Amino acid sequence: MRLGLVDLERAFVNVLLSNDVVFVDINAVIAQAAARIRSLYNLQLPDALQVAIALTSNCDAFLTNDETLKRVTELRILVVGELEVE
């Protein structure tokens, strides 16, 4: 938004509104998992929450731009900049 990339913004919103995205409520189980992950890997709270949700939701992988999340060993971390397009 800050850069004025309206087409990219629209595409992002369309992905969020699609049936392929599932929103998960943060509950006590997720909060406790996030606290453990935050402590174990020295992550910021938002990152720890997202990883905890991915783990408790049985996600196959976690897509990110943040290479520091590769410290997490319980989940396959995919860094966008490291992916190869076939």
Protein backbone atom coordinates (compact mmCIF):
# COMPACT_ATOMS: atom_id res chain seq x y z
CA MET A 1 0.00 0.00 0.00
CA ARG A 2 2.79 2.36 0.93
CA LEU A 3 4.36 1.83 -2.48
CA GLY A 4 1.07 2.27 -4.30
CA LEU A 5 1.13 -1.18 -5.88
CA VAL A 6 -2.62 -1.40 -6.33
CA ASP A 7 -2.57 -4.53 -8.52
CA LEU A 8 -0.43 -6.40 -5.99
CA GLU A 9 -2.68 -5.26 -3.14
CA ARG A 10 -5.75 -6.44 -5.03
CA ALA A 11 -4.15 -9.82 -5.74
CA PHE A 12 -3.25 -10.23 -2.06
CA VAL A 13 -6.79 -9.41 -0.94
CA ASN A 14 -8.17 -11.86 -3.49
CA VAL A 15 -6.00 -14.62 -2.05
CA LEU A 16 -7.18 -13.81 1.48
CA LEU A 17 -10.81 -13.92 0.36
CA SER A 18 -10.44 -17.19 -1.53
CA ASN A 19 -11.58 -20.53 -0.18
CA ASP A 20 -7.95 -21.66 0.03
CA VAL A 21 -7.18 -19.54 3.10
CA VAL A 22 -8.20 -20.74 6.54
CA PHE A 23 -8.25 -18.35 9.48
CA VAL A 24 -7.53 -19.90 12.88
CA ASP A 25 -8.60 -18.41 16.19
CA ILE A 26 -5.89 -18.08 18.81
CA ASN A 27 -6.85 -20.22 21.80
CA ALA A 28 -5.06 -21.36 24.96
CA VAL A 29 -3.38 -24.30 23.22
CA ILE A 30 -1.96 -22.07 20.49
CA ALA A 31 -0.93 -19.39 22.99
CA GLN A 32 0.95 -21.95 25.07
CA ALA A 33 2.64 -23.39 21.97
CA ALA A 34 3.60 -19.85 20.88
CA ALA A 35 5.13 -19.13 24.28
CA ARG A 36 7.19 -22.33 24.06
CA ILE A 37 8.30 -21.58 20.49
CA ARG A 38 9.10 -17.96 21.33
CA SER A 39 11.24 -19.05 24.25
CA LEU A 40 12.92 -21.91 22.42
CA TYR A 41 13.82 -19.99 19.24
CA ASN A 42 13.95 -16.39 20.52
CA LEU A 43 11.26 -15.28 18.07
CA GLN A 44 9.08 -12.21 18.14
CA LEU A 45 5.56 -12.87 19.40
CA PRO A 46 3.80 -12.47 16.00
CA ASP A 47 6.24 -14.94 14.41
CA ALA A 48 5.84 -17.40 17.29
CA LEU A 49 2.05 -17.19 17.01
CA GLN A 50 2.11 -17.86 13.28
CA VAL A 51 4.46 -20.82 13.69
CA ALA A 52 2.35 -22.20 16.57
CA ILE A 53 -0.78 -21.96 14.43
CA ALA A 54 0.98 -23.71 11.56
CA LEU A 55 2.14 -26.50 13.87
CA THR A 56 -1.19 -27.01 15.60
CA SER A 57 -2.99 -26.94 12.24
CA ASN A 58 -0.69 -29.65 10.85
CA CYS A 59 0.62 -27.49 8.02
CA ASP A 60 3.15 -29.14 5.72
CA ALA A 61 5.28 -26.01 5.44
CA PHE A 62 5.53 -22.33 6.37
CA LEU A 63 6.18 -19.77 3.62
CA THR A 64 8.02 -16.62 4.67
CA ASN A 65 10.49 -13.91 3.68
CA ASP A 66 12.17 -14.14 7.11
CA GLU A 67 15.25 -16.35 7.08
CA THR A 68 15.46 -16.28 10.88
CA LEU A 69 12.46 -18.60 11.02
CA LYS A 70 14.65 -21.36 9.59
CA ARG A 71 15.73 -21.90 13.22
CA VAL A 72 12.40 -23.66 13.80
CA THR A 73 13.02 -27.38 13.36
CA GLU A 74 9.50 -28.75 13.93
CA LEU A 75 8.19 -27.28 10.69
CA ARG A 76 9.44 -27.08 7.12
CA ILE A 77 10.31 -23.41 6.56
CA LEU A 78 10.27 -22.18 2.96
CA VAL A 79 11.97 -18.84 2.35
CA VAL A 80 10.57 -17.10 -0.74
CA GLY A 81 13.98 -15.84 -1.88
CA GLU A 82 15.38 -19.38 -1.86
CA LEU A 83 12.63 -20.96 -3.97
CA GLU A 84 13.29 -21.90 -7.56
CA VAL A 85 10.62 -21.48 -10.22
CA GLU A 86 10.32 -24.43 -12.55
